[in-house]
Amino acid sequence: MQFEMTKCTRCGSKMLMGLDVCPSCGKQLARVSGMGSFQPRTLLAVALAVAVLFAFSWMKPAPHAGQVSSPPSAIGTR
């Protein structure tokens, strides 16, 4: 049987998930609630995705002042 493990936020040693006191350092663990419990890999992936989106939006060419942006008219020439 394998137990889910985590690291102590104070000393960094491995410990069972769900414990309130670290068995290595004996310190009370600070509980992180809500959105603050992201893994570093998740934060890195989100940051890279945002950077790529900004890079593509920055490289998108802006329309020139003389360029017509309206679609062609439906009235044809004879």
PDB file of N, CA and C in Angstrom:
ATOM      1  N   MET A   1       0.842  -1.167   0.000  1.00  0.00           N
ATOM      2  CA  MET A   1       0.000   0.000   0.000  1.00  0.00           C
ATOM      3  C   MET A   1       0.898   1.245   0.000  1.00  0.00           C
ATOM      4  N   GLN A   2       0.604   2.177  -0.886  1.00  0.00           N
ATOM      5  CA  GLN A   2       1.404   3.391  -0.991  1.00  0.00           C
ATOM      6  C   GLN A   2       0.567   4.582  -0.534  1.00  0.00           C
ATOM      7  N   PHE A   3       1.159   5.414   0.310  1.00  0.00           N
ATOM      8  CA  PHE A   3       0.474   6.587   0.835  1.00  0.00           C
ATOM      9  C   PHE A   3       0.855   7.816   0.030  1.00  0.00           C
ATOM     10  N   GLU A   4      -0.045   8.784  -0.023  1.00  0.00           N
ATOM     11  CA  GLU A   4       0.226  10.030  -0.720  1.00  0.00           C
ATOM     12  C   GLU A   4       1.138  10.886   0.161  1.00  0.00           C
ATOM     13  N   MET A   5       2.229  11.360  -0.440  1.00  0.00           N
ATOM     14  CA  MET A   5       3.239  12.106   0.309  1.00  0.00           C
ATOM     15  C   MET A   5       3.254  13.565  -0.127  1.00  0.00           C
ATOM     16  N   THR A   6       3.755  14.404   0.754  1.00  0.00           N
ATOM     17  CA  THR A   6       3.949  15.822   0.478  1.00  0.00           C
ATOM     18  C   THR A   6       5.237  16.262   1.156  1.00  0.00           C
ATOM     19  N   LYS A   7       5.606  17.522   1.008  1.00  0.00           N
ATOM     20  CA  LYS A   7       6.800  18.056   1.666  1.00  0.00           C
ATOM     21  C   LYS A   7       6.386  19.063   2.729  1.00  0.00           C
ATOM     22  N   CYS A   8       7.166  19.113   3.786  1.00  0.00           N
ATOM     23  CA  CYS A   8       6.945  20.092   4.848  1.00  0.00           C
ATOM     24  C   CYS A   8       7.240  21.485   4.293  1.00  0.00           C
ATOM     25  N   THR A   9       6.371  22.446   4.612  1.00  0.00           N
ATOM     26  CA  THR A   9       6.565  23.809   4.119  1.00  0.00           C
ATOM     27  C   THR A   9       7.675  24.527   4.867  1.00  0.00           C
ATOM     28  N   ARG A  10       8.107  23.992   5.985  1.00  0.00           N
ATOM     29  CA  ARG A  10       9.148  24.638   6.793  1.00  0.00           C
ATOM     30  C   ARG A  10      10.531  24.036   6.543  1.00  0.00           C
ATOM     31  N   CYS A  11      10.658  22.690   6.639  1.00  0.00           N
ATOM     32  CA  CYS A  11      11.989  22.075   6.521  1.00  0.00           C
ATOM     33  C   CYS A  11      12.189  21.343   5.197  1.00  0.00           C
ATOM     34  N   GLY A  12      11.122  21.034   4.474  1.00  0.00           N
ATOM     35  CA  GLY A  12      11.233  20.387   3.172  1.00  0.00           C
ATOM     36  C   GLY A  12      11.312  18.883   3.198  1.00  0.00           C
ATOM     37  N   SER A  13      11.196  18.260   4.352  1.00  0.00           N
ATOM     38  CA  SER A  13      11.272  16.799   4.416  1.00  0.00           C
ATOM     39  C   SER A  13       9.952  16.174   3.972  1.00  0.00           C
ATOM     40  N   LYS A  14      10.034  14.932   3.488  1.00  0.00           N
ATOM     41  CA  LYS A  14       8.833  14.238   3.037  1.00  0.00           C
ATOM     42  C   LYS A  14       8.021  13.789   4.242  1.00  0.00           C
ATOM     43  N   MET A  15       6.694  13.883   4.068  1.00  0.00           N
ATOM     44  CA  MET A  15       5.787  13.474   5.138  1.00  0.00           C
ATOM     45  C   MET A  15       4.461  13.049   4.538  1.00  0.00           C
ATOM     46  N   LEU A  16       3.640  12.384   5.314  1.00  0.00           N
ATOM     47  CA  LEU A  16       2.334  11.959   4.854  1.00  0.00           C
ATOM     48  C   LEU A  16       1.428  13.163   4.662  1.00  0.00           C
ATOM     49  N   MET A  17       0.653  13.139   3.581  1.00  0.00           N
ATOM     50  CA  MET A  17      -0.275  14.226   3.326  1.00  0.00           C
ATOM     51  C   MET A  17      -1.406  14.174   4.351  1.00  0.00           C
ATOM     52  N   GLY A  18      -1.797  15.339   4.849  1.00  0.00           N
ATOM     53  CA  GLY A  18      -2.889  15.419   5.802  1.00  0.00           C
ATOM     54  C   GLY A  18      -2.433  15.618   7.235  1.00  0.00           C
ATOM     55  N   LEU A  19      -1.122  15.515   7.498  1.00  0.00           N
ATOM     56  CA  LEU A  19      -0.629  15.744   8.854  1.00  0.00           C
ATOM     57  C   LEU A  19      -0.573  17.231   9.142  1.00  0.00           C
ATOM     58  N   ASP A  20      -0.796  17.587  10.412  1.00  0.00           N
ATOM     59  CA  ASP A  20      -0.733  18.990  10.821  1.00  0.00           C
ATOM     60  C   ASP A  20       0.621  19.362  11.414  1.00  0.00           C
ATOM     61  N   VAL A  21       1.383  18.364  11.871  1.00  0.00           N
ATOM     62  CA  VAL A  21       2.686  18.599  12.478  1.00  0.00           C
ATOM     63  C   VAL A  21       3.720  17.770  11.731  1.00  0.00           C
ATOM     64  N   CYS A  22       4.833  18.402  11.366  1.00  0.00           N
ATOM     65  CA  CYS A  22       5.900  17.700  10.650  1.00  0.00           C
ATOM     66  C   CYS A  22       6.618  16.754  11.607  1.00  0.00           C
ATOM     67  N   PRO A  23       6.804  15.481  11.240  1.00  0.00           N
ATOM     68  CA  PRO A  23       7.509  14.556  12.122  1.00  0.00           C
ATOM     69  C   PRO A  23       9.012  14.838  12.207  1.00  0.00           C
ATOM     70  N   SER A  24       9.587  15.532  11.239  1.00  0.00           N
ATOM     71  CA  SER A  24      11.019  15.819  11.262  1.00  0.00           C
ATOM     72  C   SER A  24      11.360  17.041  12.114  1.00  0.00           C
ATOM     73  N   CYS A  25      10.694  18.165  11.853  1.00  0.00           N
ATOM     74  CA  CYS A  25      11.035  19.399  12.566  1.00  0.00           C
ATOM     75  C   CYS A  25      10.087  19.698  13.719  1.00  0.00           C
ATOM     76  N   GLY A  26       8.922  19.054  13.759  1.00  0.00           N
ATOM     77  CA  GLY A  26       7.977  19.243  14.851  1.00  0.00           C
ATOM     78  C   GLY A  26       7.195  20.539  14.793  1.00  0.00           C
ATOM     79  N   LYS A  27       7.289  21.252  13.688  1.00  0.00           N
ATOM     80  CA  LYS A  27       6.589  22.533  13.559  1.00  0.00           C
ATOM     81  C   LYS A  27       5.159  22.329  13.079  1.00  0.00           C
ATOM     82  N   GLN A  28       4.277  23.214  13.540  1.00  0.00           N
ATOM     83  CA  GLN A  28       2.892  23.228  13.078  1.00  0.00           C
ATOM     84  C   GLN A  28       2.889  23.744  11.648  1.00  0.00           C
ATOM     85  N   LEU A  29       2.224  23.041  10.755  1.00  0.00           N
ATOM     86  CA  LEU A  29       2.207  23.423   9.353  1.00  0.00           C
ATOM     87  C   LEU A  29       1.145  24.469   9.100  1.00  0.00           C
ATOM     88  N   ALA A  30       1.483  25.422   8.264  1.00  0.00           N
ATOM     89  CA  ALA A  30       0.525  26.445   7.851  1.00  0.00           C
ATOM     90  C   ALA A  30      -0.338  25.843   6.762  1.00  0.00           C
ATOM     91  N   ARG A  31      -1.616  25.864   6.949  1.00  0.00           N
ATOM     92  CA  ARG A  31      -2.548  25.323   5.957  1.00  0.00           C
ATOM     93  C   ARG A  31      -2.800  26.349   4.884  1.00  0.00           C
ATOM     94  N   VAL A  32      -2.679  25.922   3.647  1.00  0.00           N
ATOM     95  CA  VAL A  32      -2.956  26.784   2.508  1.00  0.00           C
ATOM     96  C   VAL A  32      -4.339  26.422   2.017  1.00  0.00           C
ATOM     97  N   SER A  33      -5.183  27.434   1.893  1.00  0.00           N
ATOM     98  CA  SER A  33      -6.549  27.153   1.458  1.00  0.00           C
ATOM     99  C   SER A  33      -6.831  27.840   0.144  1.00  0.00           C
ATOM    100  N   GLY A  34      -7.742  27.279  -0.604  1.00  0.00           N
ATOM    101  CA  GLY A  34      -8.204  27.905  -1.839  1.00  0.00           C
ATOM    102  C   GLY A  34      -7.213  27.805  -2.976  1.00  0.00           C
ATOM    103  N   MET A  35      -6.982  28.953  -3.633  1.00  0.00           N
ATOM    104  CA  MET A  35      -6.206  28.977  -4.864  1.00  0.00           C
ATOM    105  C   MET A  35      -4.700  28.999  -4.628  1.00  0.00           C
ATOM    106  N   GLY A  36      -4.218  29.068  -3.428  1.00  0.00           N
ATOM    107  CA  GLY A  36      -2.795  29.184  -3.179  1.00  0.00           C
ATOM    108  C   GLY A  36      -2.038  27.879  -3.189  1.00  0.00           C
ATOM    109  N   SER A  37      -2.675  26.766  -3.480  1.00  0.00           N
ATOM    110  CA  SER A  37      -2.005  25.475  -3.385  1.00  0.00           C
ATOM    111  C   SER A  37      -1.573  24.942  -4.739  1.00  0.00           C
ATOM    112  N   PHE A  38      -1.172  25.817  -5.656  1.00  0.00           N
ATOM    113  CA  PHE A  38      -0.699  25.367  -6.957  1.00  0.00           C
ATOM    114  C   PHE A  38       0.700  24.786  -6.842  1.00  0.00           C
ATOM    115  N   GLN A  39       0.975  23.788  -7.652  1.00  0.00           N
ATOM    116  CA  GLN A  39       2.313  23.237  -7.743  1.00  0.00           C
ATOM    117  C   GLN A  39       3.162  24.162  -8.608  1.00  0.00           C
ATOM    118  N   PRO A  40       4.473  24.179  -8.412  1.00  0.00           N
ATOM    119  CA  PRO A  40       5.333  25.050  -9.232  1.00  0.00           C
ATOM    120  C   PRO A  40       5.232  24.756 -10.729  1.00  0.00           C
ATOM    121  N   ARG A  41       5.055  23.515 -11.110  1.00  0.00           N
ATOM    122  CA  ARG A  41       4.932  23.181 -12.528  1.00  0.00           C
ATOM    123  C   ARG A  41       3.671  23.778 -13.131  1.00  0.00           C
ATOM    124  N   THR A  42       2.590  23.798 -12.360  1.00  0.00           N
ATOM    125  CA  THR A  42       1.339  24.382 -12.840  1.00  0.00           C
ATOM    126  C   THR A  42       1.505  25.874 -13.061  1.00  0.00           C
ATOM    127  N   LEU A  43       2.136  26.550 -12.110  1.00  0.00           N
ATOM    128  CA  LEU A  43       2.360  27.988 -12.254  1.00  0.00           C
ATOM    129  C   LEU A  43       3.257  28.288 -13.445  1.00  0.00           C
ATOM    130  N   LEU A  44       4.286  27.462 -13.655  1.00  0.00           N
ATOM    131  CA  LEU A  44       5.174  27.654 -14.789  1.00  0.00           C
ATOM    132  C   LEU A  44       4.432  27.461 -16.106  1.00  0.00           C
ATOM    133  N   ALA A  45       3.582  26.450 -16.184  1.00  0.00           N
ATOM    134  CA  ALA A  45       2.821  26.201 -17.407  1.00  0.00           C
ATOM    135  C   ALA A  45       1.862  27.348 -17.710  1.00  0.00           C
ATOM    136  N   VAL A  46       1.203  27.871 -16.703  1.00  0.00           N
ATOM    137  CA  VAL A  46       0.281  28.984 -16.903  1.00  0.00           C
ATOM    138  C   VAL A  46       1.044  30.242 -17.328  1.00  0.00           C
ATOM    139  N   ALA A  47       2.179  30.498 -16.693  1.00  0.00           N
ATOM    140  CA  ALA A  47       2.976  31.674 -17.044  1.00  0.00           C
ATOM    141  C   ALA A  47       3.491  31.585 -18.483  1.00  0.00           C
ATOM    142  N   LEU A  48       3.933  30.400 -18.905  1.00  0.00           N
ATOM    143  CA  LEU A  48       4.408  30.233 -20.278  1.00  0.00           C
ATOM    144  C   LEU A  48       3.275  30.398 -21.282  1.00  0.00           C
ATOM    145  N   ALA A  49       2.093  29.890 -20.957  1.00  0.00           N
ATOM    146  CA  ALA A  49       0.947  30.038 -21.861  1.00  0.00           C
ATOM    147  C   ALA A  49       0.574  31.509 -22.022  1.00  0.00           C
ATOM    148  N   VAL A  50       0.580  32.257 -20.932  1.00  0.00           N
ATOM    149  CA  VAL A  50       0.272  33.687 -21.004  1.00  0.00           C
ATOM    150  C   VAL A  50       1.331  34.424 -21.810  1.00  0.00           C
ATOM    151  N   ALA A  51       2.601  34.058 -21.623  1.00  0.00           N
ATOM    152  CA  ALA A  51       3.681  34.702 -22.377  1.00  0.00           C
ATOM    153  C   ALA A  51       3.550  34.441 -23.871  1.00  0.00           C
ATOM    154  N   VAL A  52       3.177  33.215 -24.242  1.00  0.00           N
ATOM    155  CA  VAL A  52       3.005  32.891 -25.660  1.00  0.00           C
ATOM    156  C   VAL A  52       1.832  33.680 -26.244  1.00  0.00           C
ATOM    157  N   LEU A  53       0.736  33.779 -25.516  1.00  0.00           N
ATOM    158  CA  LEU A  53      -0.409  34.553 -26.002  1.00  0.00           C
ATOM    159  C   LEU A  53      -0.063  36.025 -26.184  1.00  0.00           C
ATOM    160  N   PHE A  54       0.681  36.599 -25.240  1.00  0.00           N
ATOM    161  CA  PHE A  54       1.103  37.986 -25.386  1.00  0.00           C
ATOM    162  C   PHE A  54       2.051  38.162 -26.564  1.00  0.00           C
ATOM    163  N   ALA A  55       2.947  37.199 -26.769  1.00  0.00           N
ATOM    164  CA  ALA A  55       3.898  37.299 -27.878  1.00  0.00           C
ATOM    165  C   ALA A  55       3.163  37.262 -29.211  1.00  0.00           C
ATOM    166  N   PHE A  56       2.189  36.368 -29.357  1.00  0.00           N
ATOM    167  CA  PHE A  56       1.445  36.286 -30.613  1.00  0.00           C
ATOM    168  C   PHE A  56       0.581  37.519 -30.839  1.00  0.00           C
ATOM    169  N   SER A  57      -0.002  38.063 -29.793  1.00  0.00           N
ATOM    170  CA  SER A  57      -0.817  39.270 -29.978  1.00  0.00           C
ATOM    171  C   SER A  57       0.075  40.481 -30.281  1.00  0.00           C
ATOM    172  N   TRP A  58       1.299  40.484 -29.786  1.00  0.00           N
ATOM    173  CA  TRP A  58       2.217  41.582 -30.052  1.00  0.00           C
ATOM    174  C   TRP A  58       2.740  41.520 -31.485  1.00  0.00           C
ATOM    175  N   MET A  59       2.956  40.301 -32.001  1.00  0.00           N
ATOM    176  CA  MET A  59       3.498  40.132 -33.345  1.00  0.00           C
ATOM    177  C   MET A  59       2.430  40.288 -34.422  1.00  0.00           C
ATOM    178  N   LYS A  60       1.163  40.301 -34.064  1.00  0.00           N
ATOM    179  CA  LYS A  60       0.082  40.452 -35.033  1.00  0.00           C
ATOM    180  C   LYS A  60       0.181  41.834 -35.675  1.00  0.00           C
ATOM    181  N   PRO A  61       0.230  41.910 -36.999  1.00  0.00           N
ATOM    182  CA  PRO A  61       0.399  43.217 -37.636  1.00  0.00           C
ATOM    183  C   PRO A  61      -0.851  44.086 -37.460  1.00  0.00           C
ATOM    184  N   ALA A  62      -0.618  45.333 -37.178  1.00  0.00           N
ATOM    185  CA  ALA A  62      -1.714  46.288 -37.023  1.00  0.00           C
ATOM    186  C   ALA A  62      -2.127  46.784 -38.405  1.00  0.00           C
ATOM    187  N   PRO A  63      -3.408  47.064 -38.618  1.00  0.00           N
ATOM    188  CA  PRO A  63      -3.835  47.569 -39.928  1.00  0.00           C
ATOM    189  C   PRO A  63      -3.260  48.960 -40.175  1.00  0.00           C
ATOM    190  N   HIS A  64      -2.885  49.220 -41.418  1.00  0.00           N
ATOM    191  CA  HIS A  64      -2.327  50.516 -41.790  1.00  0.00           C
ATOM    192  C   HIS A  64      -3.452  51.541 -41.926  1.00  0.00           C
ATOM    193  N   ALA A  65      -3.097  52.819 -41.850  1.00  0.00           N
ATOM    194  CA  ALA A  65      -4.094  53.894 -41.901  1.00  0.00           C
ATOM    195  C   ALA A  65      -4.784  53.948 -43.260  1.00  0.00           C
ATOM    196  N   GLY A  66      -4.077  53.663 -44.356  1.00  0.00           N
ATOM    197  CA  GLY A  66      -4.663  53.735 -45.690  1.00  0.00           C
ATOM    198  C   GLY A  66      -5.376  52.457 -46.098  1.00  0.00           C
ATOM    199  N   GLN A  67      -5.285  51.442 -45.285  1.00  0.00           N
ATOM    200  CA  GLN A  67      -5.864  50.148 -45.629  1.00  0.00           C
ATOM    201  C   GLN A  67      -7.369  50.162 -45.334  1.00  0.00           C
ATOM    202  N   VAL A  68      -8.165  49.698 -46.287  1.00  0.00           N
ATOM    203  CA  VAL A  68      -9.613  49.643 -46.115  1.00  0.00           C
ATOM    204  C   VAL A  68      -9.943  48.352 -45.393  1.00  0.00           C
ATOM    205  N   SER A  69     -10.684  48.468 -44.301  1.00  0.00           N
ATOM    206  CA  SER A  69     -10.999  47.281 -43.517  1.00  0.00           C
ATOM    207  C   SER A  69     -12.434  46.807 -43.720  1.00  0.00           C
ATOM    208  N   SER A  70     -13.230  47.529 -44.524  1.00  0.00           N
ATOM    209  CA  SER A  70     -14.611  47.106 -44.746  1.00  0.00           C
ATOM    210  C   SER A  70     -14.641  46.054 -45.857  1.00  0.00           C
ATOM    211  N   PRO A  71     -15.638  45.160 -45.812  1.00  0.00           N
ATOM    212  CA  PRO A  71     -15.724  44.122 -46.845  1.00  0.00           C
ATOM    213  C   PRO A  71     -16.139  44.740 -48.184  1.00  0.00           C
ATOM    214  N   PRO A  72     -15.897  44.057 -49.288  1.00  0.00           N
ATOM    215  CA  PRO A  72     -16.282  44.600 -50.594  1.00  0.00           C
ATOM    216  C   PRO A  72     -17.796  44.756 -50.674  1.00  0.00           C
ATOM    217  N   SER A  73     -18.231  45.732 -51.417  1.00  0.00           N
ATOM    218  CA  SER A  73     -19.661  46.014 -51.501  1.00  0.00           C
ATOM    219  C   SER A  73     -20.357  44.955 -52.341  1.00  0.00           C
ATOM    220  N   ALA A  74     -21.660  44.812 -52.109  1.00  0.00           N
ATOM    221  CA  ALA A  74     -22.453  43.821 -52.845  1.00  0.00           C
ATOM    222  C   ALA A  74     -22.863  44.344 -54.223  1.00  0.00           C
ATOM    223  N   ILE A  75     -22.691  45.629 -54.451  1.00  0.00           N
ATOM    224  CA  ILE A  75     -23.067  46.213 -55.735  1.00  0.00           C
ATOM    225  C   ILE A  75     -21.947  45.923 -56.742  1.00  0.00           C
ATOM    226  N   GLY A  76     -22.271  45.187 -57.742  1.00  0.00           N
ATOM    227  CA  GLY A  76     -21.263  44.795 -58.726  1.00  0.00           C
ATOM    228  C   GLY A  76     -21.104  45.827 -59.827  1.00  0.00           C
ATOM    229  N   THR A  77     -20.034  45.727 -60.550  1.00  0.00           N
ATOM    230  CA  THR A  77     -19.809  46.622 -61.695  1.00  0.00           C
ATOM    231  C   THR A  77     -20.378  45.956 -62.944  1.00  0.00           C
ATOM    232  N   ARG A  78     -20.827  46.751 -63.909  1.00  0.00           N
ATOM    233  CA  ARG A  78     -21.425  46.213 -65.129  1.00  0.00           C
ATOM    234  C   ARG A  78     -20.472  46.091 -66.235  1.00  0.00           C
TER     235      ARG A  78
END
